[in-house]
Every structure is written in structure tokens, then in C-alpha cells.
Full PDB file with SEQRES, HELIX, SHEET, SSBOND, CRYST1, ORIGX, SCALE, CONECT and MASTER records, all heavy atoms in Angstrom:
SEQRES   1 A   36  LEU ALA THR SER GLN THR ASN GLY GLU THR SER GLN PRO          
SEQRES   2 A   36  SER LEU LEU ASP VAL GLN SER THR PRO SER ARG SER GLN          
SEQRES   3 A   36  GLN ILE ASN ALA LEU SER ARG VAL GLN ASP                      
HELIX    1 AA1 LEU A   15  ASP A   17  5                                   3    
HELIX    2 AA2 ARG A   24  ARG A   33  1                                  10    
SHEET    1 AA1 2 SER A   4  THR A   6  0                                        
SHEET    2 AA1 2 GLU A   9  SER A  11 -1                                        
CRYST1    1.000    1.000    1.000  90.00  90.00  90.00 P 1           1          
ORIGX1      1.000000  0.000000  0.000000        0.00000                         
ORIGX2      0.000000  1.000000  0.000000        0.00000                         
ORIGX3      0.000000  0.000000  1.000000        0.00000                         
SCALE1      1.000000  0.000000  0.000000        0.00000                         
SCALE2      0.000000  1.000000  0.000000        0.00000                         
SCALE3      0.000000  0.000000  1.000000        0.00000                         
ATOM      1  N   LEU A   1       0.822  -1.208   0.000  1.00  0.00           N  
ATOM      2  CA  LEU A   1       0.000   0.000   0.000  1.00  0.00           C  
ATOM      3  C   LEU A   1       0.854   1.255   0.000  1.00  0.00           C  
ATOM      4  O   LEU A   1       0.481   2.276  -0.554  1.00  0.00           O  
ATOM      5  CB  LEU A   1      -0.901   0.012   1.235  1.00  0.00           C  
ATOM      6  CG  LEU A   1      -2.178  -0.824   1.148  1.00  0.00           C  
ATOM      7  CD1 LEU A   1      -2.880  -0.823   2.485  1.00  0.00           C  
ATOM      8  CD2 LEU A   1      -3.093  -0.300   0.061  1.00  0.00           C  
ATOM      9  N   ALA A   2       2.025   1.164   0.646  1.00  0.00           N  
ATOM     10  CA  ALA A   2       2.860   2.354   0.786  1.00  0.00           C  
ATOM     11  C   ALA A   2       3.513   2.706  -0.540  1.00  0.00           C  
ATOM     12  O   ALA A   2       3.672   1.883  -1.436  1.00  0.00           O  
ATOM     13  CB  ALA A   2       3.927   2.116   1.848  1.00  0.00           C  
ATOM     14  N   THR A   3       3.903   3.975  -0.674  1.00  0.00           N  
ATOM     15  CA  THR A   3       4.597   4.427  -1.871  1.00  0.00           C  
ATOM     16  C   THR A   3       5.965   3.755  -1.920  1.00  0.00           C  
ATOM     17  O   THR A   3       6.703   3.739  -0.948  1.00  0.00           O  
ATOM     18  CB  THR A   3       4.770   5.945  -1.835  1.00  0.00           C  
ATOM     19  OG1 THR A   3       3.480   6.524  -1.701  1.00  0.00           O  
ATOM     20  CG2 THR A   3       5.442   6.450  -3.103  1.00  0.00           C  
ATOM     21  N   SER A   4       6.290   3.176  -3.046  1.00  0.00           N  
ATOM     22  CA  SER A   4       7.577   2.492  -3.192  1.00  0.00           C  
ATOM     23  C   SER A   4       8.468   3.281  -4.124  1.00  0.00           C  
ATOM     24  O   SER A   4       8.004   4.036  -4.971  1.00  0.00           O  
ATOM     25  CB  SER A   4       7.367   1.078  -3.741  1.00  0.00           C  
ATOM     26  OG  SER A   4       6.729   1.142  -4.997  1.00  0.00           O  
ATOM     27  N   GLN A   5       9.758   3.089  -3.980  1.00  0.00           N  
ATOM     28  CA  GLN A   5      10.724   3.818  -4.782  1.00  0.00           C  
ATOM     29  C   GLN A   5      11.581   2.824  -5.528  1.00  0.00           C  
ATOM     30  O   GLN A   5      12.243   1.986  -4.936  1.00  0.00           O  
ATOM     31  CB  GLN A   5      11.594   4.700  -3.883  1.00  0.00           C  
ATOM     32  CG  GLN A   5      12.561   5.575  -4.675  1.00  0.00           C  
ATOM     33  CD  GLN A   5      13.296   6.527  -3.764  1.00  0.00           C  
ATOM     34  OE1 GLN A   5      13.047   6.539  -2.572  1.00  0.00           O  
ATOM     35  NE2 GLN A   5      14.207   7.300  -4.302  1.00  0.00           N  
ATOM     36  N   THR A   6      11.536   2.878  -6.848  1.00  0.00           N  
ATOM     37  CA  THR A   6      12.274   1.946  -7.690  1.00  0.00           C  
ATOM     38  C   THR A   6      13.286   2.720  -8.518  1.00  0.00           C  
ATOM     39  O   THR A   6      12.906   3.508  -9.387  1.00  0.00           O  
ATOM     40  CB  THR A   6      11.326   1.188  -8.622  1.00  0.00           C  
ATOM     41  OG1 THR A   6      10.263   0.657  -7.842  1.00  0.00           O  
ATOM     42  CG2 THR A   6      12.055   0.084  -9.360  1.00  0.00           C  
ATOM     43  N   ASN A   7      14.564   2.479  -8.225  1.00  0.00           N  
ATOM     44  CA  ASN A   7      15.631   3.135  -8.972  1.00  0.00           C  
ATOM     45  C   ASN A   7      15.447   4.653  -9.010  1.00  0.00           C  
ATOM     46  O   ASN A   7      15.596   5.303 -10.045  1.00  0.00           O  
ATOM     47  CB  ASN A   7      15.710   2.582 -10.407  1.00  0.00           C  
ATOM     48  CG  ASN A   7      16.133   1.136 -10.422  1.00  0.00           C  
ATOM     49  OD1 ASN A   7      16.799   0.680  -9.505  1.00  0.00           O  
ATOM     50  ND2 ASN A   7      15.754   0.404 -11.459  1.00  0.00           N  
ATOM     51  N   GLY A   8      15.017   5.202  -7.898  1.00  0.00           N  
ATOM     52  CA  GLY A   8      14.883   6.646  -7.818  1.00  0.00           C  
ATOM     53  C   GLY A   8      13.546   7.180  -8.259  1.00  0.00           C  
ATOM     54  O   GLY A   8      13.254   8.354  -8.096  1.00  0.00           O  
ATOM     55  N   GLU A   9      12.684   6.350  -8.853  1.00  0.00           N  
ATOM     56  CA  GLU A   9      11.384   6.805  -9.318  1.00  0.00           C  
ATOM     57  C   GLU A   9      10.325   6.397  -8.312  1.00  0.00           C  
ATOM     58  O   GLU A   9      10.298   5.280  -7.830  1.00  0.00           O  
ATOM     59  CB  GLU A   9      11.061   6.188 -10.686  1.00  0.00           C  
ATOM     60  CG  GLU A   9      12.048   6.616 -11.762  1.00  0.00           C  
ATOM     61  CD  GLU A   9      11.688   6.000 -13.098  1.00  0.00           C  
ATOM     62  OE1 GLU A   9      10.653   5.320 -13.168  1.00  0.00           O  
ATOM     63  OE2 GLU A   9      12.435   6.206 -14.063  1.00  0.00           O  
ATOM     64  N   THR A  10       9.421   7.325  -8.009  1.00  0.00           N  
ATOM     65  CA  THR A  10       8.372   7.068  -7.036  1.00  0.00           C  
ATOM     66  C   THR A  10       7.108   6.633  -7.750  1.00  0.00           C  
ATOM     67  O   THR A  10       6.711   7.232  -8.746  1.00  0.00           O  
ATOM     68  CB  THR A  10       8.092   8.332  -6.208  1.00  0.00           C  
ATOM     69  OG1 THR A  10       9.303   8.743  -5.590  1.00  0.00           O  
ATOM     70  CG2 THR A  10       7.039   8.052  -5.145  1.00  0.00           C  
ATOM     71  N   SER A  11       6.486   5.579  -7.219  1.00  0.00           N  
ATOM     72  CA  SER A  11       5.242   5.094  -7.823  1.00  0.00           C  
ATOM     73  C   SER A  11       4.270   4.744  -6.709  1.00  0.00           C  
ATOM     74  O   SER A  11       4.672   4.426  -5.597  1.00  0.00           O  
ATOM     75  CB  SER A  11       5.495   3.865  -8.708  1.00  0.00           C  
ATOM     76  OG  SER A  11       6.020   2.831  -7.923  1.00  0.00           O  
ATOM     77  N   GLN A  12       2.983   4.776  -7.013  1.00  0.00           N  
ATOM     78  CA  GLN A  12       1.942   4.453  -6.036  1.00  0.00           C  
ATOM     79  C   GLN A  12       1.114   3.312  -6.593  1.00  0.00           C  
ATOM     80  O   GLN A  12       0.185   3.520  -7.360  1.00  0.00           O  
ATOM     81  CB  GLN A  12       1.047   5.682  -5.796  1.00  0.00           C  
ATOM     82  CG  GLN A  12      -0.063   5.436  -4.777  1.00  0.00           C  
ATOM     83  CD  GLN A  12       0.474   5.414  -3.371  1.00  0.00           C  
ATOM     84  OE1 GLN A  12       1.412   6.102  -3.056  1.00  0.00           O  
ATOM     85  NE2 GLN A  12      -0.125   4.622  -2.508  1.00  0.00           N  
ATOM     86  N   PRO A  13       1.445   2.049  -6.260  1.00  0.00           N  
ATOM     87  CA  PRO A  13       0.673   0.940  -6.805  1.00  0.00           C  
ATOM     88  C   PRO A  13      -0.739   0.936  -6.249  1.00  0.00           C  
ATOM     89  O   PRO A  13      -0.967   1.312  -5.112  1.00  0.00           O  
ATOM     90  CB  PRO A  13       1.453  -0.298  -6.345  1.00  0.00           C  
ATOM     91  CG  PRO A  13       2.276   0.163  -5.205  1.00  0.00           C  
ATOM     92  CD  PRO A  13       2.509   1.622  -5.366  1.00  0.00           C  
ATOM     93  N   SER A  14      -1.651   0.480  -7.064  1.00  0.00           N  
ATOM     94  CA  SER A  14      -3.057   0.446  -6.663  1.00  0.00           C  
ATOM     95  C   SER A  14      -3.445  -0.954  -6.233  1.00  0.00           C  
ATOM     96  O   SER A  14      -2.982  -1.944  -6.788  1.00  0.00           O  
ATOM     97  CB  SER A  14      -3.934   0.881  -7.839  1.00  0.00           C  
ATOM     98  OG  SER A  14      -5.279   0.611  -7.563  1.00  0.00           O  
ATOM     99  N   LEU A  15      -4.330  -1.042  -5.241  1.00  0.00           N  
ATOM    100  CA  LEU A  15      -4.818  -2.348  -4.794  1.00  0.00           C  
ATOM    101  C   LEU A  15      -5.638  -3.018  -5.863  1.00  0.00           C  
ATOM    102  O   LEU A  15      -5.790  -4.230  -5.880  1.00  0.00           O  
ATOM    103  CB  LEU A  15      -5.664  -2.171  -3.533  1.00  0.00           C  
ATOM    104  CG  LEU A  15      -4.961  -2.456  -2.211  1.00  0.00           C  
ATOM    105  CD1 LEU A  15      -5.924  -2.255  -1.081  1.00  0.00           C  
ATOM    106  CD2 LEU A  15      -4.377  -3.841  -2.179  1.00  0.00           C  
ATOM    107  N   LEU A  16      -6.205  -2.220  -6.782  1.00  0.00           N  
ATOM    108  CA  LEU A  16      -7.033  -2.813  -7.828  1.00  0.00           C  
ATOM    109  C   LEU A  16      -6.193  -3.496  -8.878  1.00  0.00           C  
ATOM    110  O   LEU A  16      -6.715  -4.186  -9.737  1.00  0.00           O  
ATOM    111  CB  LEU A  16      -7.896  -1.715  -8.484  1.00  0.00           C  
ATOM    112  CG  LEU A  16      -8.842  -0.988  -7.528  1.00  0.00           C  
ATOM    113  CD1 LEU A  16      -9.568   0.124  -8.268  1.00  0.00           C  
ATOM    114  CD2 LEU A  16      -9.840  -1.959  -6.929  1.00  0.00           C  
ATOM    115  N   ASP A  17      -4.885  -3.277  -8.820  1.00  0.00           N  
ATOM    116  CA  ASP A  17      -4.019  -3.820  -9.856  1.00  0.00           C  
ATOM    117  C   ASP A  17      -3.354  -5.106  -9.418  1.00  0.00           C  
ATOM    118  O   ASP A  17      -2.346  -5.519  -9.961  1.00  0.00           O  
ATOM    119  CB  ASP A  17      -2.945  -2.783 -10.218  1.00  0.00           C  
ATOM    120  CG  ASP A  17      -2.226  -3.143 -11.505  1.00  0.00           C  
ATOM    121  OD1 ASP A  17      -2.878  -3.712 -12.381  1.00  0.00           O  
ATOM    122  OD2 ASP A  17      -1.022  -2.845 -11.614  1.00  0.00           O  
ATOM    123  N   VAL A  18      -3.914  -5.806  -8.421  1.00  0.00           N  
ATOM    124  CA  VAL A  18      -3.250  -6.985  -7.888  1.00  0.00           C  
ATOM    125  C   VAL A  18      -3.386  -8.190  -8.789  1.00  0.00           C  
ATOM    126  O   VAL A  18      -2.768  -9.203  -8.564  1.00  0.00           O  
ATOM    127  CB  VAL A  18      -3.803  -7.337  -6.489  1.00  0.00           C  
ATOM    128  CG1 VAL A  18      -3.400  -6.301  -5.496  1.00  0.00           C  
ATOM    129  CG2 VAL A  18      -5.305  -7.475  -6.542  1.00  0.00           C  
ATOM    130  N   GLN A  19      -4.204  -8.108  -9.848  1.00  0.00           N  
ATOM    131  CA  GLN A  19      -4.326  -9.261 -10.732  1.00  0.00           C  
ATOM    132  C   GLN A  19      -3.078  -9.459 -11.568  1.00  0.00           C  
ATOM    133  O   GLN A  19      -2.774 -10.549 -11.987  1.00  0.00           O  
ATOM    134  CB  GLN A  19      -5.528  -9.092 -11.661  1.00  0.00           C  
ATOM    135  CG  GLN A  19      -6.852  -9.189 -10.935  1.00  0.00           C  
ATOM    136  CD  GLN A  19      -8.007  -9.205 -11.898  1.00  0.00           C  
ATOM    137  OE1 GLN A  19      -7.813  -9.333 -13.094  1.00  0.00           O  
ATOM    138  NE2 GLN A  19      -9.203  -9.093 -11.387  1.00  0.00           N  
ATOM    139  N   SER A  20      -2.355  -8.375 -11.815  1.00  0.00           N  
ATOM    140  CA  SER A  20      -1.162  -8.515 -12.641  1.00  0.00           C  
ATOM    141  C   SER A  20      -0.094  -9.258 -11.866  1.00  0.00           C  
ATOM    142  O   SER A  20      -0.006  -9.172 -10.643  1.00  0.00           O  
ATOM    143  CB  SER A  20      -0.644  -7.134 -13.046  1.00  0.00           C  
ATOM    144  OG  SER A  20      -0.339  -6.392 -11.899  1.00  0.00           O  
ATOM    145  N   THR A  21       0.732  -9.987 -12.581  1.00  0.00           N  
ATOM    146  CA  THR A  21       1.782 -10.761 -11.933  1.00  0.00           C  
ATOM    147  C   THR A  21       2.919  -9.842 -11.521  1.00  0.00           C  
ATOM    148  O   THR A  21       3.095  -8.769 -12.088  1.00  0.00           O  
ATOM    149  CB  THR A  21       2.319 -11.832 -12.886  1.00  0.00           C  
ATOM    150  OG1 THR A  21       2.705 -11.183 -14.092  1.00  0.00           O  
ATOM    151  CG2 THR A  21       1.275 -12.861 -13.171  1.00  0.00           C  
ATOM    152  N   PRO A  22       3.709 -10.225 -10.532  1.00  0.00           N  
ATOM    153  CA  PRO A  22       4.736  -9.320 -10.016  1.00  0.00           C  
ATOM    154  C   PRO A  22       5.877  -9.155 -10.991  1.00  0.00           C  
ATOM    155  O   PRO A  22       6.205 -10.065 -11.759  1.00  0.00           O  
ATOM    156  CB  PRO A  22       5.201 -10.028  -8.740  1.00  0.00           C  
ATOM    157  CG  PRO A  22       4.948 -11.456  -9.011  1.00  0.00           C  
ATOM    158  CD  PRO A  22       3.703 -11.500  -9.857  1.00  0.00           C  
ATOM    159  N   SER A  23       6.469  -7.967 -10.960  1.00  0.00           N  
ATOM    160  CA  SER A  23       7.669  -7.775 -11.753  1.00  0.00           C  
ATOM    161  C   SER A  23       8.825  -8.509 -11.085  1.00  0.00           C  
ATOM    162  O   SER A  23       8.771  -8.859  -9.917  1.00  0.00           O  
ATOM    163  CB  SER A  23       7.993  -6.283 -11.866  1.00  0.00           C  
ATOM    164  OG  SER A  23       8.297  -5.778 -10.584  1.00  0.00           O  
ATOM    165  N   ARG A  24       9.886  -8.681 -11.830  1.00  0.00           N  
ATOM    166  CA  ARG A  24      11.010  -9.444 -11.276  1.00  0.00           C  
ATOM    167  C   ARG A  24      11.659  -8.682 -10.125  1.00  0.00           C  
ATOM    168  O   ARG A  24      12.142  -9.274  -9.163  1.00  0.00           O  
ATOM    169  CB  ARG A  24      12.020  -9.731 -12.376  1.00  0.00           C  
ATOM    170  CG  ARG A  24      11.421 -10.525 -13.515  1.00  0.00           C  
ATOM    171  CD  ARG A  24      12.379 -10.700 -14.650  1.00  0.00           C  
ATOM    172  NE  ARG A  24      13.421 -11.636 -14.304  1.00  0.00           N  
ATOM    173  CZ  ARG A  24      14.475 -11.857 -15.070  1.00  0.00           C  
ATOM    174  NH1 ARG A  24      14.603 -11.230 -16.196  1.00  0.00           N  
ATOM    175  NH2 ARG A  24      15.400 -12.717 -14.708  1.00  0.00           N  
ATOM    176  N   SER A  25      11.659  -7.357 -10.207  1.00  0.00           N  
ATOM    177  CA  SER A  25      12.247  -6.596  -9.105  1.00  0.00           C  
ATOM    178  C   SER A  25      11.422  -6.747  -7.837  1.00  0.00           C  
ATOM    179  O   SER A  25      11.952  -6.791  -6.733  1.00  0.00           O  
ATOM    180  CB  SER A  25      12.359  -5.122  -9.489  1.00  0.00           C  
ATOM    181  OG  SER A  25      11.092  -4.608  -9.833  1.00  0.00           O  
ATOM    182  N   GLN A  26      10.076  -6.857  -7.977  1.00  0.00           N  
ATOM    183  CA  GLN A  26       9.243  -7.086  -6.814  1.00  0.00           C  
ATOM    184  C   GLN A  26       9.546  -8.444  -6.186  1.00  0.00           C  
ATOM    185  O   GLN A  26       9.550  -8.596  -4.962  1.00  0.00           O  
ATOM    186  CB  GLN A  26       7.763  -7.018  -7.197  1.00  0.00           C  
ATOM    187  CG  GLN A  26       7.263  -5.609  -7.426  1.00  0.00           C  
ATOM    188  CD  GLN A  26       5.825  -5.616  -7.897  1.00  0.00           C  
ATOM    189  OE1 GLN A  26       5.431  -6.449  -8.701  1.00  0.00           O  
ATOM    190  NE2 GLN A  26       5.049  -4.690  -7.399  1.00  0.00           N  
ATOM    191  N   GLN A  27       9.792  -9.435  -7.049  1.00  0.00           N  
ATOM    192  CA  GLN A  27      10.105 -10.763  -6.526  1.00  0.00           C  
ATOM    193  C   GLN A  27      11.417 -10.738  -5.743  1.00  0.00           C  
ATOM    194  O   GLN A  27      11.542 -11.363  -4.689  1.00  0.00           O  
ATOM    195  CB  GLN A  27      10.198 -11.760  -7.672  1.00  0.00           C  
ATOM    196  CG  GLN A  27       8.858 -12.007  -8.355  1.00  0.00           C  
ATOM    197  CD  GLN A  27       9.027 -12.813  -9.606  1.00  0.00           C  
ATOM    198  OE1 GLN A  27      10.125 -13.228  -9.928  1.00  0.00           O  
ATOM    199  NE2 GLN A  27       7.950 -13.040 -10.315  1.00  0.00           N  
ATOM    200  N   ILE A  28      12.401  -9.989  -6.254  1.00  0.00           N  
ATOM    201  CA  ILE A  28      13.679  -9.899  -5.549  1.00  0.00           C  
ATOM    202  C   ILE A  28      13.458  -9.294  -4.174  1.00  0.00           C  
ATOM    203  O   ILE A  28      13.951  -9.786  -3.161  1.00  0.00           O  
ATOM    204  CB  ILE A  28      14.671  -9.011  -6.328  1.00  0.00           C  
ATOM    205  CG1 ILE A  28      14.925  -9.600  -7.710  1.00  0.00           C  
ATOM    206  CG2 ILE A  28      15.970  -8.850  -5.583  1.00  0.00           C  
ATOM    207  CD1 ILE A  28      15.551  -8.614  -8.630  1.00  0.00           C  
ATOM    208  N   ASN A  29      12.680  -8.210  -4.146  1.00  0.00           N  
ATOM    209  CA  ASN A  29      12.447  -7.534  -2.879  1.00  0.00           C  
ATOM    210  C   ASN A  29      11.755  -8.462  -1.892  1.00  0.00           C  
ATOM    211  O   ASN A  29      12.115  -8.543  -0.726  1.00  0.00           O  
ATOM    212  CB  ASN A  29      11.595  -6.292  -3.134  1.00  0.00           C  
ATOM    213  CG  ASN A  29      11.298  -5.530  -1.856  1.00  0.00           C  
ATOM    214  OD1 ASN A  29      12.208  -5.315  -1.070  1.00  0.00           O  
ATOM    215  ND2 ASN A  29      10.055  -5.148  -1.649  1.00  0.00           N  
ATOM    216  N   ALA A  30      10.734  -9.185  -2.397  1.00  0.00           N  
ATOM    217  CA  ALA A  30       9.984 -10.071  -1.509  1.00  0.00           C  
ATOM    218  C   ALA A  30      10.878 -11.182  -0.968  1.00  0.00           C  
ATOM    219  O   ALA A  30      10.812 -11.535   0.205  1.00  0.00           O  
ATOM    220  CB  ALA A  30       8.797 -10.667  -2.256  1.00  0.00           C  
ATOM    221  N   LEU A  31      11.730 -11.722  -1.850  1.00  0.00           N  
ATOM    222  CA  LEU A  31      12.564 -12.834  -1.414  1.00  0.00           C  
ATOM    223  C   LEU A  31      13.693 -12.381  -0.494  1.00  0.00           C  
ATOM    224  O   LEU A  31      14.148 -13.125   0.358  1.00  0.00           O  
ATOM    225  CB  LEU A  31      13.138 -13.546  -2.633  1.00  0.00           C  
ATOM    226  CG  LEU A  31      12.090 -14.289  -3.450  1.00  0.00           C  
ATOM    227  CD1 LEU A  31      12.684 -14.730  -4.772  1.00  0.00           C  
ATOM    228  CD2 LEU A  31      11.594 -15.496  -2.688  1.00  0.00           C  
ATOM    229  N   SER A  32      14.139 -11.138  -0.670  1.00  0.00           N  
ATOM    230  CA  SER A  32      15.225 -10.665   0.186  1.00  0.00           C  
ATOM    231  C   SER A  32      14.728 -10.256   1.557  1.00  0.00           C  
ATOM    232  O   SER A  32      15.507 -10.114   2.479  1.00  0.00           O  
ATOM    233  CB  SER A  32      15.932  -9.484  -0.480  1.00  0.00           C  
ATOM    234  OG  SER A  32      15.013  -8.420  -0.655  1.00  0.00           O  
ATOM    235  N   ARG A  33      13.402 -10.049   1.695  1.00  0.00           N  
ATOM    236  CA  ARG A  33      12.861  -9.616   2.978  1.00  0.00           C  
ATOM    237  C   ARG A  33      12.571 -10.773   3.910  1.00  0.00           C  
ATOM    238  O   ARG A  33      12.398 -10.576   5.106  1.00  0.00           O  
ATOM    239  CB  ARG A  33      11.553  -8.852   2.751  1.00  0.00           C  
ATOM    240  CG  ARG A  33      11.749  -7.488   2.139  1.00  0.00           C  
ATOM    241  CD  ARG A  33      10.469  -6.699   2.253  1.00  0.00           C  
ATOM    242  NE  ARG A  33       9.352  -7.387   1.654  1.00  0.00           N  
ATOM    243  CZ  ARG A  33       8.728  -6.983   0.563  1.00  0.00           C  
ATOM    244  NH1 ARG A  33       9.128  -5.906  -0.059  1.00  0.00           N  
ATOM    245  NH2 ARG A  33       7.698  -7.653   0.087  1.00  0.00           N  
ATOM    246  N   VAL A  34      12.462 -11.991   3.365  1.00  0.00           N  
ATOM    247  CA  VAL A  34      11.972 -13.083   4.189  1.00  0.00           C  
ATOM    248  C   VAL A  34      12.963 -13.427   5.286  1.00  0.00           C  
ATOM    249  O   VAL A  34      14.167 -13.334   5.116  1.00  0.00           O  
ATOM    250  CB  VAL A  34      11.694 -14.335   3.322  1.00  0.00           C  
ATOM    251  CG1 VAL A  34      10.597 -14.055   2.351  1.00  0.00           C  
ATOM    252  CG2 VAL A  34      12.934 -14.785   2.599  1.00  0.00           C  
ATOM    253  N   GLN A  35      12.457 -13.830   6.423  1.00  0.00           N  
ATOM    254  CA  GLN A  35      13.297 -14.201   7.553  1.00  0.00           C  
ATOM    255  C   GLN A  35      12.578 -15.261   8.358  1.00  0.00           C  
ATOM    256  O   GLN A  35      11.372 -15.407   8.282  1.00  0.00           O  
ATOM    257  CB  GLN A  35      13.590 -12.985   8.418  1.00  0.00           C  
ATOM    258  CG  GLN A  35      12.306 -12.261   8.876  1.00  0.00           C  
ATOM    259  CD  GLN A  35      12.627 -11.001   9.630  1.00  0.00           C  
ATOM    260  OE1 GLN A  35      13.766 -10.788   9.982  1.00  0.00           O  
ATOM    261  NE2 GLN A  35      11.629 -10.187   9.878  1.00  0.00           N  
ATOM    262  N   ASP A  36      13.318 -16.019   9.127  1.00  0.00           N  
ATOM    263  CA  ASP A  36      12.744 -17.114   9.907  1.00  0.00           C  
ATOM    264  C   ASP A  36      12.012 -16.573  11.122  1.00  0.00           C  
ATOM    265  O   ASP A  36      12.618 -15.995  12.009  1.00  0.00           O  
ATOM    266  CB  ASP A  36      13.858 -18.063  10.378  1.00  0.00           C  
ATOM    267  CG  ASP A  36      13.972 -19.246   9.453  1.00  0.00           C  
ATOM    268  OD1 ASP A  36      12.947 -19.594   8.861  1.00  0.00           O  
ATOM    269  OD2 ASP A  36      15.079 -19.795   9.350  1.00  0.00           O  
TER     270      ASP A  36                                                      
MASTER        0    0    0    2    2    0    0    6  269    1    0    3          
END                                                                             
């Protein structure tokens, strides 16, 4: 929900856009955040 910053560019993703599949950079972020 929060504003994210990708390579210096600010974007505001919409909750209505969750049908689209994640970009590869989003996958990297998600996988790098995981912890036990």
C-alpha cells in the first residue's frame, strides 16, 4: 500500500491492480525480505 521507490522513481501501486503478476524486481524484494 505504501509508496515504493524503484531506482529513484516514485510510484503508487493500486490495490485494484493486484491481478497482474509481479515484476522481477518485486520478486527480488519479496525474497530478500523473508526471515525465519
